Structures are given as structure tokens and as C-alpha cells.
Amino acid sequence: MMRLDRQIPAFAGMTGRLQGPVEVRNQARVHVWFEAHFGEAYTPLSCSAEALERFVSPMFAVGVRLEADDGLHIEAPFGLADLFALRLRPNPRRPSRGFDRAAASVLQRWPEIAIDVSA
């Protein structure tokens, strides 16, 4: 196990003050385990922003980085409309067999989310 993989649980433990679950992932290593876990190929990423384009739903495809001037850089390749509308729909750029499983999991945690499979 790589050192960073052992640190993920420690990072996750630092989020205790936040409401709701926070998932910490080393996106640079997802290609190592993704296919065995989900049954779909996942090629290595060229940058962290590319990972967002592969998320199962645009609602999840939002990254935020704190800049040196304390400003926020928001990376959202599909925009923010789905997030603000609480709408979960399949990623139009990367169809996934795992959407139904992800949608069921999301509804268990956040029943107010609307699932839109027509998009």
C-alpha cells in the first residue's frame, strides 16, 4: 500500500466538523483499482480537472481550490446548475453502468435529490 493510500483515512478523520459525509480520494491512483471495483476501464488522468469530467454525474463534478490570495477557484466542467437544483443525472460524456448503483446510494443519504435519467 502506498503511503498516500494510508493517509486517506487520516484526511477523512479531519472532516469531523463538517455536516454529512466527505470522501477523500487520490484521483491520480483511481485507474489502479477502478476496473476491478466497478468493472469499467479507467485510463490514467493527465490532471485533476480531467477526473471531474469522468464522475458518474455532473452534480458531483465540482472541484474547489483555495488560492494563495484566499480566493476560490471553482472547476465545474458541466457547470453548477445540477448541484444547485439537487438533480442527479448521468454524465453525458461518460456513460456508466454504475449510475443506478450511485443513484440508489445518493438517495439513501440525501432523499431530497431528484434523479433524472432522461438527460
PDB file of N, CA and C in Angstrom:
ATOM      1  N   MET A   1       0.854  -1.183   0.000  1.00  0.00           N
ATOM      2  CA  MET A   1       0.000   0.000   0.000  1.00  0.00           C
ATOM      3  C   MET A   1       0.894   1.238   0.000  1.00  0.00           C
ATOM      4  N   MET A   2       0.575   2.166  -0.867  1.00  0.00           N
ATOM      5  CA  MET A   2       1.367   3.391  -0.941  1.00  0.00           C
ATOM      6  C   MET A   2       1.087   4.283   0.266  1.00  0.00           C
ATOM      7  N   ARG A   3       2.049   5.105   0.586  1.00  0.00           N
ATOM      8  CA  ARG A   3       1.943   5.989   1.748  1.00  0.00           C
ATOM      9  C   ARG A   3       0.686   6.863   1.686  1.00  0.00           C
ATOM     10  N   LEU A   4       0.390   7.443   0.516  1.00  0.00           N
ATOM     11  CA  LEU A   4      -0.777   8.306   0.398  1.00  0.00           C
ATOM     12  C   LEU A   4      -2.067   7.525   0.642  1.00  0.00           C
ATOM     13  N   ASP A   5      -2.125   6.273   0.192  1.00  0.00           N
ATOM     14  CA  ASP A   5      -3.312   5.455   0.428  1.00  0.00           C
ATOM     15  C   ASP A   5      -3.546   5.247   1.920  1.00  0.00           C
ATOM     16  N   ARG A   6      -2.496   5.149   2.706  1.00  0.00           N
ATOM     17  CA  ARG A   6      -2.639   5.005   4.158  1.00  0.00           C
ATOM     18  C   ARG A   6      -3.059   6.320   4.795  1.00  0.00           C
ATOM     19  N   GLN A   7      -2.763   7.432   4.152  1.00  0.00           N
ATOM     20  CA  GLN A   7      -3.102   8.736   4.708  1.00  0.00           C
ATOM     21  C   GLN A   7      -4.553   9.134   4.455  1.00  0.00           C
ATOM     22  N   ILE A   8      -5.214   8.518   3.485  1.00  0.00           N
ATOM     23  CA  ILE A   8      -6.589   8.888   3.155  1.00  0.00           C
ATOM     24  C   ILE A   8      -7.505   8.788   4.370  1.00  0.00           C
ATOM     25  N   PRO A   9      -7.466   7.698   5.150  1.00  0.00           N
ATOM     26  CA  PRO A   9      -8.324   7.663   6.344  1.00  0.00           C
ATOM     27  C   PRO A   9      -8.000   8.783   7.335  1.00  0.00           C
ATOM     28  N   ALA A  10      -6.742   9.162   7.445  1.00  0.00           N
ATOM     29  CA  ALA A  10      -6.377  10.266   8.348  1.00  0.00           C
ATOM     30  C   ALA A  10      -6.969  11.580   7.854  1.00  0.00           C
ATOM     31  N   PHE A  11      -6.914  11.836   6.550  1.00  0.00           N
ATOM     32  CA  PHE A  11      -7.515  13.053   5.992  1.00  0.00           C
ATOM     33  C   PHE A  11      -9.019  13.050   6.245  1.00  0.00           C
ATOM     34  N   ALA A  12      -9.643  11.911   6.010  1.00  0.00           N
ATOM     35  CA  ALA A  12     -11.089  11.810   6.215  1.00  0.00           C
ATOM     36  C   ALA A  12     -11.451  12.095   7.666  1.00  0.00           C
ATOM     37  N   GLY A  13     -10.598  11.702   8.598  1.00  0.00           N
ATOM     38  CA  GLY A  13     -10.854  11.957  10.006  1.00  0.00           C
ATOM     39  C   GLY A  13     -10.781  13.426  10.382  1.00  0.00           C
ATOM     40  N   MET A  14     -10.203  14.242   9.536  1.00  0.00           N
ATOM     41  CA  MET A  14     -10.077  15.676   9.811  1.00  0.00           C
ATOM     42  C   MET A  14     -11.341  16.450   9.465  1.00  0.00           C
ATOM     43  N   THR A  15     -12.336  15.793   8.923  1.00  0.00           N
ATOM     44  CA  THR A  15     -13.546  16.477   8.463  1.00  0.00           C
ATOM     45  C   THR A  15     -14.683  16.372   9.477  1.00  0.00           C
ATOM     46  N   GLY A  16     -14.386  16.006  10.697  1.00  0.00           N
ATOM     47  CA  GLY A  16     -15.407  15.773  11.704  1.00  0.00           C
ATOM     48  C   GLY A  16     -16.335  16.947  11.956  1.00  0.00           C
ATOM     49  N   ARG A  17     -15.876  18.165  11.744  1.00  0.00           N
ATOM     50  CA  ARG A  17     -16.722  19.340  11.983  1.00  0.00           C
ATOM     51  C   ARG A  17     -17.729  19.571  10.869  1.00  0.00           C
ATOM     52  N   LEU A  18     -17.534  18.966   9.729  1.00  0.00           N
ATOM     53  CA  LEU A  18     -18.430  19.175   8.593  1.00  0.00           C
ATOM     54  C   LEU A  18     -19.667  18.297   8.717  1.00  0.00           C
ATOM     55  N   GLN A  19     -20.780  18.793   8.236  1.00  0.00           N
ATOM     56  CA  GLN A  19     -22.002  18.004   8.230  1.00  0.00           C
ATOM     57  C   GLN A  19     -22.019  17.131   6.995  1.00  0.00           C
ATOM     58  N   GLY A  20     -22.408  15.894   7.153  1.00  0.00           N
ATOM     59  CA  GLY A  20     -22.510  14.978   6.029  1.00  0.00           C
ATOM     60  C   GLY A  20     -21.191  14.301   5.735  1.00  0.00           C
ATOM     61  N   PRO A  21     -21.234  13.297   4.884  1.00  0.00           N
ATOM     62  CA  PRO A  21     -20.022  12.550   4.560  1.00  0.00           C
ATOM     63  C   PRO A  21     -19.084  13.329   3.638  1.00  0.00           C
ATOM     64  N   VAL A  22     -17.803  13.130   3.840  1.00  0.00           N
ATOM     65  CA  VAL A  22     -16.773  13.693   2.976  1.00  0.00           C
ATOM     66  C   VAL A  22     -15.909  12.531   2.532  1.00  0.00           C
ATOM     67  N   GLU A  23     -15.759  12.358   1.234  1.00  0.00           N
ATOM     68  CA  GLU A  23     -14.939  11.277   0.706  1.00  0.00           C
ATOM     69  C   GLU A  23     -13.619  11.849   0.203  1.00  0.00           C
ATOM     70  N   VAL A  24     -12.521  11.238   0.609  1.00  0.00           N
ATOM     71  CA  VAL A  24     -11.193  11.652   0.192  1.00  0.00           C
ATOM     72  C   VAL A  24     -10.653  10.564  -0.733  1.00  0.00           C
ATOM     73  N   ARG A  25     -10.213  10.954  -1.905  1.00  0.00           N
ATOM     74  CA  ARG A  25      -9.666  10.001  -2.865  1.00  0.00           C
ATOM     75  C   ARG A  25      -8.400  10.569  -3.482  1.00  0.00           C
ATOM     76  N   ASN A  26      -7.469   9.682  -3.766  1.00  0.00           N
ATOM     77  CA  ASN A  26      -6.272  10.026  -4.511  1.00  0.00           C
ATOM     78  C   ASN A  26      -6.604   9.802  -5.983  1.00  0.00           C
ATOM     79  N   GLN A  27      -7.055  10.843  -6.677  1.00  0.00           N
ATOM     80  CA  GLN A  27      -7.507  10.705  -8.056  1.00  0.00           C
ATOM     81  C   GLN A  27      -6.420  10.202  -8.997  1.00  0.00           C
ATOM     82  N   ALA A  28      -5.169  10.461  -8.670  1.00  0.00           N
ATOM     83  CA  ALA A  28      -4.075  10.019  -9.542  1.00  0.00           C
ATOM     84  C   ALA A  28      -3.933   8.501  -9.556  1.00  0.00           C
ATOM     85  N   ARG A  29      -4.525   7.819  -8.576  1.00  0.00           N
ATOM     86  CA  ARG A  29      -4.406   6.355  -8.500  1.00  0.00           C
ATOM     87  C   ARG A  29      -5.698   5.607  -8.799  1.00  0.00           C
ATOM     88  N   VAL A  30      -6.756   6.306  -9.163  1.00  0.00           N
ATOM     89  CA  VAL A  30      -8.037   5.644  -9.408  1.00  0.00           C
ATOM     90  C   VAL A  30      -7.920   4.585 -10.498  1.00  0.00           C
ATOM     91  N   HIS A  31      -7.131   4.852 -11.532  1.00  0.00           N
ATOM     92  CA  HIS A  31      -7.001   3.887 -12.621  1.00  0.00           C
ATOM     93  C   HIS A  31      -6.443   2.539 -12.148  1.00  0.00           C
ATOM     94  N   VAL A  32      -5.767   2.524 -11.018  1.00  0.00           N
ATOM     95  CA  VAL A  32      -5.168   1.287 -10.495  1.00  0.00           C
ATOM     96  C   VAL A  32      -6.245   0.317 -10.011  1.00  0.00           C
ATOM     97  N   TRP A  33      -7.308   0.820  -9.378  1.00  0.00           N
ATOM     98  CA  TRP A  33      -8.305  -0.053  -8.760  1.00  0.00           C
ATOM     99  C   TRP A  33      -9.700   0.031  -9.368  1.00  0.00           C
ATOM    100  N   PHE A  34      -9.990   1.030 -10.189  1.00  0.00           N
ATOM    101  CA  PHE A  34     -11.348   1.289 -10.651  1.00  0.00           C
ATOM    102  C   PHE A  34     -11.962   0.111 -11.407  1.00  0.00           C
ATOM    103  N   GLU A  35     -11.253  -0.432 -12.366  1.00  0.00           N
ATOM    104  CA  GLU A  35     -11.828  -1.501 -13.189  1.00  0.00           C
ATOM    105  C   GLU A  35     -12.154  -2.736 -12.351  1.00  0.00           C
ATOM    106  N   ALA A  36     -11.279  -3.101 -11.419  1.00  0.00           N
ATOM    107  CA  ALA A  36     -11.543  -4.260 -10.566  1.00  0.00           C
ATOM    108  C   ALA A  36     -12.755  -4.015  -9.671  1.00  0.00           C
ATOM    109  N   HIS A  37     -12.949  -2.792  -9.250  1.00  0.00           N
ATOM    110  CA  HIS A  37     -14.046  -2.468  -8.330  1.00  0.00           C
ATOM    111  C   HIS A  37     -15.376  -2.254  -9.052  1.00  0.00           C
ATOM    112  N   PHE A  38     -15.344  -1.573 -10.201  1.00  0.00           N
ATOM    113  CA  PHE A  38     -16.576  -1.201 -10.897  1.00  0.00           C
ATOM    114  C   PHE A  38     -16.793  -1.917 -12.228  1.00  0.00           C
ATOM    115  N   GLY A  39     -15.797  -2.641 -12.734  1.00  0.00           N
ATOM    116  CA  GLY A  39     -15.961  -3.375 -13.975  1.00  0.00           C
ATOM    117  C   GLY A  39     -15.899  -2.520 -15.228  1.00  0.00           C
ATOM    118  N   GLU A  40     -15.361  -1.319 -15.121  1.00  0.00           N
ATOM    119  CA  GLU A  40     -15.222  -0.420 -16.267  1.00  0.00           C
ATOM    120  C   GLU A  40     -13.787   0.085 -16.336  1.00  0.00           C
ATOM    121  N   ALA A  41     -13.266   0.200 -17.551  1.00  0.00           N
ATOM    122  CA  ALA A  41     -11.901   0.704 -17.726  1.00  0.00           C
ATOM    123  C   ALA A  41     -11.813   2.166 -17.286  1.00  0.00           C
ATOM    124  N   TYR A  42     -10.639   2.544 -16.811  1.00  0.00           N
ATOM    125  CA  TYR A  42     -10.399   3.928 -16.365  1.00  0.00           C
ATOM    126  C   TYR A  42      -8.935   4.229 -16.645  1.00  0.00           C
ATOM    127  N   THR A  43      -8.683   4.983 -17.707  1.00  0.00           N
ATOM    128  CA  THR A  43      -7.304   5.288 -18.082  1.00  0.00           C
ATOM    129  C   THR A  43      -6.709   6.315 -17.122  1.00  0.00           C
ATOM    130  N   PRO A  44      -5.380   6.334 -16.987  1.00  0.00           N
ATOM    131  CA  PRO A  44      -4.747   7.320 -16.098  1.00  0.00           C
ATOM    132  C   PRO A  44      -5.126   8.753 -16.481  1.00  0.00           C
ATOM    133  N   LEU A  45      -5.172   9.603 -15.490  1.00  0.00           N
ATOM    134  CA  LEU A  45      -5.535  11.008 -15.688  1.00  0.00           C
ATOM    135  C   LEU A  45      -4.321  11.851 -16.047  1.00  0.00           C
ATOM    136  N   SER A  46      -4.541  12.916 -16.814  1.00  0.00           N
ATOM    137  CA  SER A  46      -3.460  13.845 -17.114  1.00  0.00           C
ATOM    138  C   SER A  46      -3.436  15.004 -16.120  1.00  0.00           C
ATOM    139  N   CYS A  47      -4.564  15.252 -15.439  1.00  0.00           N
ATOM    140  CA  CYS A  47      -4.651  16.321 -14.439  1.00  0.00           C
ATOM    141  C   CYS A  47      -5.888  16.088 -13.576  1.00  0.00           C
ATOM    142  N   SER A  48      -5.962  16.748 -12.445  1.00  0.00           N
ATOM    143  CA  SER A  48      -7.099  16.540 -11.543  1.00  0.00           C
ATOM    144  C   SER A  48      -8.410  17.041 -12.148  1.00  0.00           C
ATOM    145  N   ALA A  49      -8.374  18.094 -12.953  1.00  0.00           N
ATOM    146  CA  ALA A  49      -9.597  18.592 -13.580  1.00  0.00           C
ATOM    147  C   ALA A  49     -10.206  17.541 -14.509  1.00  0.00           C
ATOM    148  N   GLU A  50      -9.373  16.726 -15.129  1.00  0.00           N
ATOM    149  CA  GLU A  50      -9.868  15.666 -16.007  1.00  0.00           C
ATOM    150  C   GLU A  50     -10.700  14.652 -15.224  1.00  0.00           C
ATOM    151  N   ALA A  51     -10.368  14.412 -13.976  1.00  0.00           N
ATOM    152  CA  ALA A  51     -11.125  13.476 -13.148  1.00  0.00           C
ATOM    153  C   ALA A  51     -12.582  13.913 -13.030  1.00  0.00           C
ATOM    154  N   LEU A  52     -12.820  15.207 -12.901  1.00  0.00           N
ATOM    155  CA  LEU A  52     -14.185  15.709 -12.755  1.00  0.00           C
ATOM    156  C   LEU A  52     -15.046  15.350 -13.959  1.00  0.00           C
ATOM    157  N   GLU A  53     -14.456  15.351 -15.139  1.00  0.00           N
ATOM    158  CA  GLU A  53     -15.200  15.024 -16.359  1.00  0.00           C
ATOM    159  C   GLU A  53     -15.622  13.561 -16.398  1.00  0.00           C
ATOM    160  N   ARG A  54     -15.034  12.727 -15.559  1.00  0.00           N
ATOM    161  CA  ARG A  54     -15.347  11.297 -15.552  1.00  0.00           C
ATOM    162  C   ARG A  54     -16.283  10.890 -14.414  1.00  0.00           C
ATOM    163  N   PHE A  55     -16.633  11.801 -13.543  1.00  0.00           N
ATOM    164  CA  PHE A  55     -17.515  11.464 -12.432  1.00  0.00           C
ATOM    165  C   PHE A  55     -18.843  10.948 -12.972  1.00  0.00           C
ATOM    166  N   VAL A  56     -19.506  10.112 -12.223  1.00  0.00           N
ATOM    167  CA  VAL A  56     -20.728   9.448 -12.666  1.00  0.00           C
ATOM    168  C   VAL A  56     -21.860  10.436 -12.960  1.00  0.00           C
ATOM    169  N   SER A  57     -21.822  11.617 -12.342  1.00  0.00           N
ATOM    170  CA  SER A  57     -22.865  12.612 -12.560  1.00  0.00           C
ATOM    171  C   SER A  57     -22.276  14.022 -12.544  1.00  0.00           C
ATOM    172  N   PRO A  58     -22.802  14.908 -13.385  1.00  0.00           N
ATOM    173  CA  PRO A  58     -22.351  16.305 -13.333  1.00  0.00           C
ATOM    174  C   PRO A  58     -22.540  16.950 -11.961  1.00  0.00           C
ATOM    175  N   MET A  59     -23.511  16.491 -11.192  1.00  0.00           N
ATOM    176  CA  MET A  59     -23.733  17.067  -9.871  1.00  0.00           C
ATOM    177  C   MET A  59     -22.514  16.891  -8.967  1.00  0.00           C
ATOM    178  N   PHE A  60     -21.774  15.821  -9.161  1.00  0.00           N
ATOM    179  CA  PHE A  60     -20.586  15.552  -8.351  1.00  0.00           C
ATOM    180  C   PHE A  60     -19.330  16.198  -8.919  1.00  0.00           C
ATOM    181  N   ALA A  61     -19.378  16.645 -10.155  1.00  0.00           N
ATOM    182  CA  ALA A  61     -18.189  17.100 -10.881  1.00  0.00           C
ATOM    183  C   ALA A  61     -17.860  18.556 -10.577  1.00  0.00           C
ATOM    184  N   VAL A  62     -17.576  18.819  -9.317  1.00  0.00           N
ATOM    185  CA  VAL A  62     -17.236  20.171  -8.886  1.00  0.00           C
ATOM    186  C   VAL A  62     -16.002  20.085  -7.995  1.00  0.00           C
ATOM    187  N   GLY A  63     -14.999  20.856  -8.330  1.00  0.00           N
ATOM    188  CA  GLY A  63     -13.793  20.927  -7.517  1.00  0.00           C
ATOM    189  C   GLY A  63     -13.553  22.363  -7.093  1.00  0.00           C
ATOM    190  N   VAL A  64     -13.061  22.541  -5.887  1.00  0.00           N
ATOM    191  CA  VAL A  64     -12.787  23.885  -5.369  1.00  0.00           C
ATOM    192  C   VAL A  64     -11.369  23.903  -4.815  1.00  0.00           C
ATOM    193  N   ARG A  65     -10.616  24.920  -5.185  1.00  0.00           N
ATOM    194  CA  ARG A  65      -9.246  25.063  -4.704  1.00  0.00           C
ATOM    195  C   ARG A  65      -9.087  26.439  -4.070  1.00  0.00           C
ATOM    196  N   LEU A  66      -8.490  26.479  -2.898  1.00  0.00           N
ATOM    197  CA  LEU A  66      -8.183  27.747  -2.236  1.00  0.00           C
ATOM    198  C   LEU A  66      -6.896  28.287  -2.834  1.00  0.00           C
ATOM    199  N   GLU A  67      -6.962  29.509  -3.351  1.00  0.00           N
ATOM    200  CA  GLU A  67      -5.807  30.139  -3.975  1.00  0.00           C
ATOM    201  C   GLU A  67      -4.957  30.871  -2.930  1.00  0.00           C
ATOM    202  N   ALA A  68      -3.768  31.253  -3.308  1.00  0.00           N
ATOM    203  CA  ALA A  68      -2.842  31.933  -2.398  1.00  0.00           C
ATOM    204  C   ALA A  68      -3.406  33.254  -1.872  1.00  0.00           C
ATOM    205  N   ASP A  69      -4.271  33.898  -2.663  1.00  0.00           N
ATOM    206  CA  ASP A  69      -4.869  35.171  -2.230  1.00  0.00           C
ATOM    207  C   ASP A  69      -6.168  34.968  -1.452  1.00  0.00           C
ATOM    208  N   ASP A  70      -6.421  33.735  -1.024  1.00  0.00           N
ATOM    209  CA  ASP A  70      -7.633  33.337  -0.299  1.00  0.00           C
ATOM    210  C   ASP A  70      -8.887  33.333  -1.173  1.00  0.00           C
ATOM    211  N   GLY A  71      -8.719  33.505  -2.460  1.00  0.00           N
ATOM    212  CA  GLY A  71      -9.849  33.371  -3.382  1.00  0.00           C
ATOM    213  C   GLY A  71     -10.104  31.893  -3.660  1.00  0.00           C
ATOM    214  N   LEU A  72     -11.250  31.603  -4.205  1.00  0.00           N
ATOM    215  CA  LEU A  72     -11.594  30.234  -4.561  1.00  0.00           C
ATOM    216  C   LEU A  72     -11.578  30.063  -6.073  1.00  0.00           C
ATOM    217  N   HIS A  73     -10.973  28.984  -6.526  1.00  0.00           N
ATOM    218  CA  HIS A  73     -11.044  28.602  -7.935  1.00  0.00           C
ATOM    219  C   HIS A  73     -12.025  27.443  -8.005  1.00  0.00           C
ATOM    220  N   ILE A  74     -13.086  27.589  -8.790  1.00  0.00           N
ATOM    221  CA  ILE A  74     -14.083  26.533  -8.941  1.00  0.00           C
ATOM    222  C   ILE A  74     -13.922  25.910 -10.307  1.00  0.00           C
ATOM    223  N   GLU A  75     -13.757  24.605 -10.331  1.00  0.00           N
ATOM    224  CA  GLU A  75     -13.649  23.833 -11.567  1.00  0.00           C
ATOM    225  C   GLU A  75     -14.929  23.003 -11.663  1.00  0.00           C
ATOM    226  N   ALA A  76     -15.742  23.269 -12.668  1.00  0.00           N
ATOM    227  CA  ALA A  76     -17.012  22.566 -12.836  1.00  0.00           C
ATOM    228  C   ALA A  76     -17.268  22.387 -14.329  1.00  0.00           C
ATOM    229  N   PRO A  77     -16.751  21.309 -14.923  1.00  0.00           N
ATOM    230  CA  PRO A  77     -16.839  21.151 -16.378  1.00  0.00           C
ATOM    231  C   PRO A  77     -18.261  21.078 -16.919  1.00  0.00           C
ATOM    232  N   PHE A  78     -19.237  20.762 -16.084  1.00  0.00           N
ATOM    233  CA  PHE A  78     -20.637  20.702 -16.519  1.00  0.00           C
ATOM    234  C   PHE A  78     -21.448  21.880 -15.974  1.00  0.00           C
ATOM    235  N   GLY A  79     -20.790  22.793 -15.281  1.00  0.00           N
ATOM    236  CA  GLY A  79     -21.489  23.902 -14.652  1.00  0.00           C
ATOM    237  C   GLY A  79     -21.994  23.512 -13.262  1.00  0.00           C
ATOM    238  N   LEU A  80     -22.750  24.402 -12.652  1.00  0.00           N
ATOM    239  CA  LEU A  80     -23.230  24.206 -11.285  1.00  0.00           C
ATOM    240  C   LEU A  80     -24.739  24.013 -11.199  1.00  0.00           C
ATOM    241  N   ALA A  81     -25.445  24.069 -12.318  1.00  0.00           N
ATOM    242  CA  ALA A  81     -26.911  24.007 -12.296  1.00  0.00           C
ATOM    243  C   ALA A  81     -27.434  22.727 -11.636  1.00  0.00           C
ATOM    244  N   ASP A  82     -26.860  21.578 -11.952  1.00  0.00           N
ATOM    245  CA  ASP A  82     -27.335  20.324 -11.353  1.00  0.00           C
ATOM    246  C   ASP A  82     -27.130  20.320  -9.847  1.00  0.00           C
ATOM    247  N   LEU A  83     -26.003  20.819  -9.399  1.00  0.00           N
ATOM    248  CA  LEU A  83     -25.729  20.869  -7.966  1.00  0.00           C
ATOM    249  C   LEU A  83     -26.755  21.736  -7.241  1.00  0.00           C
ATOM    250  N   PHE A  84     -26.993  22.929  -7.755  1.00  0.00           N
ATOM    251  CA  PHE A  84     -27.931  23.839  -7.103  1.00  0.00           C
ATOM    252  C   PHE A  84     -29.376  23.371  -7.226  1.00  0.00           C
ATOM    253  N   ALA A  85     -29.692  22.627  -8.276  1.00  0.00           N
ATOM    254  CA  ALA A  85     -31.052  22.100  -8.459  1.00  0.00           C
ATOM    255  C   ALA A  85     -31.249  20.772  -7.716  1.00  0.00           C
ATOM    256  N   LEU A  86     -30.183  20.260  -7.089  1.00  0.00           N
ATOM    257  CA  LEU A  86     -30.237  18.950  -6.408  1.00  0.00           C
ATOM    258  C   LEU A  86     -30.708  17.868  -7.375  1.00  0.00           C
ATOM    259  N   ARG A  87     -30.133  17.898  -8.585  1.00  0.00           N
ATOM    260  CA  ARG A  87     -30.521  16.980  -9.659  1.00  0.00           C
ATOM    261  C   ARG A  87     -29.337  16.059  -9.997  1.00  0.00           C
ATOM    262  N   LEU A  88     -29.588  14.772  -9.908  1.00  0.00           N
ATOM    263  CA  LEU A  88     -28.581  13.768 -10.242  1.00  0.00           C
ATOM    264  C   LEU A  88     -28.947  13.160 -11.590  1.00  0.00           C
ATOM    265  N   ARG A  89     -28.045  13.304 -12.545  1.00  0.00           N
ATOM    266  CA  ARG A  89     -28.257  12.730 -13.872  1.00  0.00           C
ATOM    267  C   ARG A  89     -26.961  12.088 -14.330  1.00  0.00           C
ATOM    268  N   PRO A  90     -27.050  11.167 -15.273  1.00  0.00           N
ATOM    269  CA  PRO A  90     -25.822  10.518 -15.759  1.00  0.00           C
ATOM    270  C   PRO A  90     -24.892  11.517 -16.449  1.00  0.00           C
ATOM    271  N   ASN A  91     -23.616  11.235 -16.360  1.00  0.00           N
ATOM    272  CA  ASN A  91     -22.609  12.042 -17.042  1.00  0.00           C
ATOM    273  C   ASN A  91     -22.800  11.864 -18.554  1.00  0.00           C
ATOM    274  N   PRO A  92     -23.127  12.943 -19.287  1.00  0.00           N
ATOM    275  CA  PRO A  92     -23.362  12.800 -20.724  1.00  0.00           C
ATOM    276  C   PRO A  92     -22.096  12.484 -21.523  1.00  0.00           C
ATOM    277  N   ARG A  93     -20.930  12.737 -20.960  1.00  0.00           N
ATOM    278  CA  ARG A  93     -19.663  12.482 -21.664  1.00  0.00           C
ATOM    279  C   ARG A  93     -19.082  11.106 -21.355  1.00  0.00           C
ATOM    280  N   ARG A  94     -19.581  10.466 -20.312  1.00  0.00           N
ATOM    281  CA  ARG A  94     -19.027   9.167 -19.913  1.00  0.00           C
ATOM    282  C   ARG A  94     -20.135   8.283 -19.367  1.00  0.00           C
ATOM    283  N   PRO A  95     -20.916   7.664 -20.254  1.00  0.00           N
ATOM    284  CA  PRO A  95     -21.958   6.753 -19.767  1.00  0.00           C
ATOM    285  C   PRO A  95     -21.336   5.670 -18.889  1.00  0.00           C
ATOM    286  N   SER A  96     -22.046   5.324 -17.829  1.00  0.00           N
ATOM    287  CA  SER A  96     -21.518   4.364 -16.862  1.00  0.00           C
ATOM    288  C   SER A  96     -22.601   3.379 -16.461  1.00  0.00           C
ATOM    289  N   ARG A  97     -22.205   2.113 -16.377  1.00  0.00           N
ATOM    290  CA  ARG A  97     -23.135   1.097 -15.877  1.00  0.00           C
ATOM    291  C   ARG A  97     -23.399   1.308 -14.388  1.00  0.00           C
ATOM    292  N   GLY A  98     -22.574   2.096 -13.724  1.00  0.00           N
ATOM    293  CA  GLY A  98     -22.688   2.294 -12.291  1.00  0.00           C
ATOM    294  C   GLY A  98     -23.632   3.401 -11.855  1.00  0.00           C
ATOM    295  N   PHE A  99     -24.320   4.055 -12.816  1.00  0.00           N
ATOM    296  CA  PHE A  99     -25.170   5.176 -12.419  1.00  0.00           C
ATOM    297  C   PHE A  99     -26.302   4.741 -11.499  1.00  0.00           C
ATOM    298  N   ASP A 100     -26.971   3.640 -11.821  1.00  0.00           N
ATOM    299  CA  ASP A 100     -28.095   3.201 -10.988  1.00  0.00           C
ATOM    300  C   ASP A 100     -27.654   2.912  -9.557  1.00  0.00           C
ATOM    301  N   ARG A 101     -26.515   2.277  -9.417  1.00  0.00           N
ATOM    302  CA  ARG A 101     -25.982   1.989  -8.074  1.00  0.00           C
ATOM    303  C   ARG A 101     -25.641   3.294  -7.348  1.00  0.00           C
ATOM    304  N   ALA A 102     -25.029   4.235  -8.049  1.00  0.00           N
ATOM    305  CA  ALA A 102     -24.696   5.524  -7.442  1.00  0.00           C
ATOM    306  C   ALA A 102     -25.963   6.277  -7.051  1.00  0.00           C
ATOM    307  N   ALA A 103     -26.968   6.247  -7.911  1.00  0.00           N
ATOM    308  CA  ALA A 103     -28.215   6.947  -7.619  1.00  0.00           C
ATOM    309  C   ALA A 103     -28.893   6.366  -6.379  1.00  0.00           C
ATOM    310  N   ALA A 104     -28.910   5.049  -6.253  1.00  0.00           N
ATOM    311  CA  ALA A 104     -29.513   4.424  -5.073  1.00  0.00           C
ATOM    312  C   ALA A 104     -28.777   4.832  -3.805  1.00  0.00           C
ATOM    313  N   SER A 105     -27.465   4.869  -3.879  1.00  0.00           N
ATOM    314  CA  SER A 105     -26.662   5.270  -2.723  1.00  0.00           C
ATOM    315  C   SER A 105     -26.914   6.733  -2.349  1.00  0.00           C
ATOM    316  N   VAL A 106     -27.003   7.590  -3.356  1.00  0.00           N
ATOM    317  CA  VAL A 106     -27.253   9.011  -3.127  1.00  0.00           C
ATOM    318  C   VAL A 106     -28.611   9.204  -2.442  1.00  0.00           C
ATOM    319  N   LEU A 107     -29.626   8.501  -2.927  1.00  0.00           N
ATOM    320  CA  LEU A 107     -30.963   8.653  -2.343  1.00  0.00           C
ATOM    321  C   LEU A 107     -31.030   8.190  -0.894  1.00  0.00           C
ATOM    322  N   GLN A 108     -30.225   7.208  -0.547  1.00  0.00           N
ATOM    323  CA  GLN A 108     -30.187   6.767   0.855  1.00  0.00           C
ATOM    324  C   GLN A 108     -29.641   7.868   1.750  1.00  0.00           C
ATOM    325  N   ARG A 109     -28.650   8.580   1.272  1.00  0.00           N
ATOM    326  CA  ARG A 109     -28.019   9.631   2.074  1.00  0.00           C
ATOM    327  C   ARG A 109     -28.742  10.961   1.987  1.00  0.00           C
ATOM    328  N   TRP A 110     -29.243  11.285   0.801  1.00  0.00           N
ATOM    329  CA  TRP A 110     -29.877  12.582   0.565  1.00  0.00           C
ATOM    330  C   TRP A 110     -31.196  12.365  -0.179  1.00  0.00           C
ATOM    331  N   PRO A 111     -32.273  12.039   0.523  1.00  0.00           N
ATOM    332  CA  PRO A 111     -33.543  11.737  -0.144  1.00  0.00           C
ATOM    333  C   PRO A 111     -34.148  12.915  -0.903  1.00  0.00           C
ATOM    334  N   GLU A 112     -33.667  14.120  -0.672  1.00  0.00           N
ATOM    335  CA  GLU A 112     -34.200  15.286  -1.376  1.00  0.00           C
ATOM    336  C   GLU A 112     -33.664  15.431  -2.801  1.00  0.00           C
ATOM    337  N   ILE A 113     -32.687  14.607  -3.174  1.00  0.00           N
ATOM    338  CA  ILE A 113     -32.105  14.661  -4.521  1.00  0.00           C
ATOM    339  C   ILE A 113     -33.105  14.106  -5.547  1.00  0.00           C
ATOM    340  N   ALA A 114     -33.248  14.785  -6.673  1.00  0.00           N
ATOM    341  CA  ALA A 114     -34.081  14.304  -7.774  1.00  0.00           C
ATOM    342  C   ALA A 114     -33.203  13.543  -8.762  1.00  0.00           C
ATOM    343  N   ILE A 115     -33.636  12.373  -9.163  1.00  0.00           N
ATOM    344  CA  ILE A 115     -32.899  11.566 -10.145  1.00  0.00           C
ATOM    345  C   ILE A 115     -33.512  11.831 -11.528  1.00  0.00           C
ATOM    346  N   ASP A 116     -32.672  12.163 -12.485  1.00  0.00           N
ATOM    347  CA  ASP A 116     -33.119  12.465 -13.844  1.00  0.00           C
ATOM    348  C   ASP A 116     -32.346  11.582 -14.812  1.00  0.00           C
ATOM    349  N   VAL A 117     -32.952  10.497 -15.248  1.00  0.00           N
ATOM    350  CA  VAL A 117     -32.267   9.587 -16.182  1.00  0.00           C
ATOM    351  C   VAL A 117     -32.565   9.942 -17.637  1.00  0.00           C
ATOM    352  N   SER A 118     -33.423  10.938 -17.865  1.00  0.00           N
ATOM    353  CA  SER A 118     -33.766  11.316 -19.240  1.00  0.00           C
ATOM    354  C   SER A 118     -32.725  12.198 -19.892  1.00  0.00           C
ATOM    355  N   ALA A 119     -31.844  12.773 -19.080  1.00  0.00           N
ATOM    356  CA  ALA A 119     -30.854  13.722 -19.619  1.00  0.00           C
ATOM    357  C   ALA A 119     -29.802  13.043 -20.437  1.00  0.00           C
TER     358      ALA A 119
END
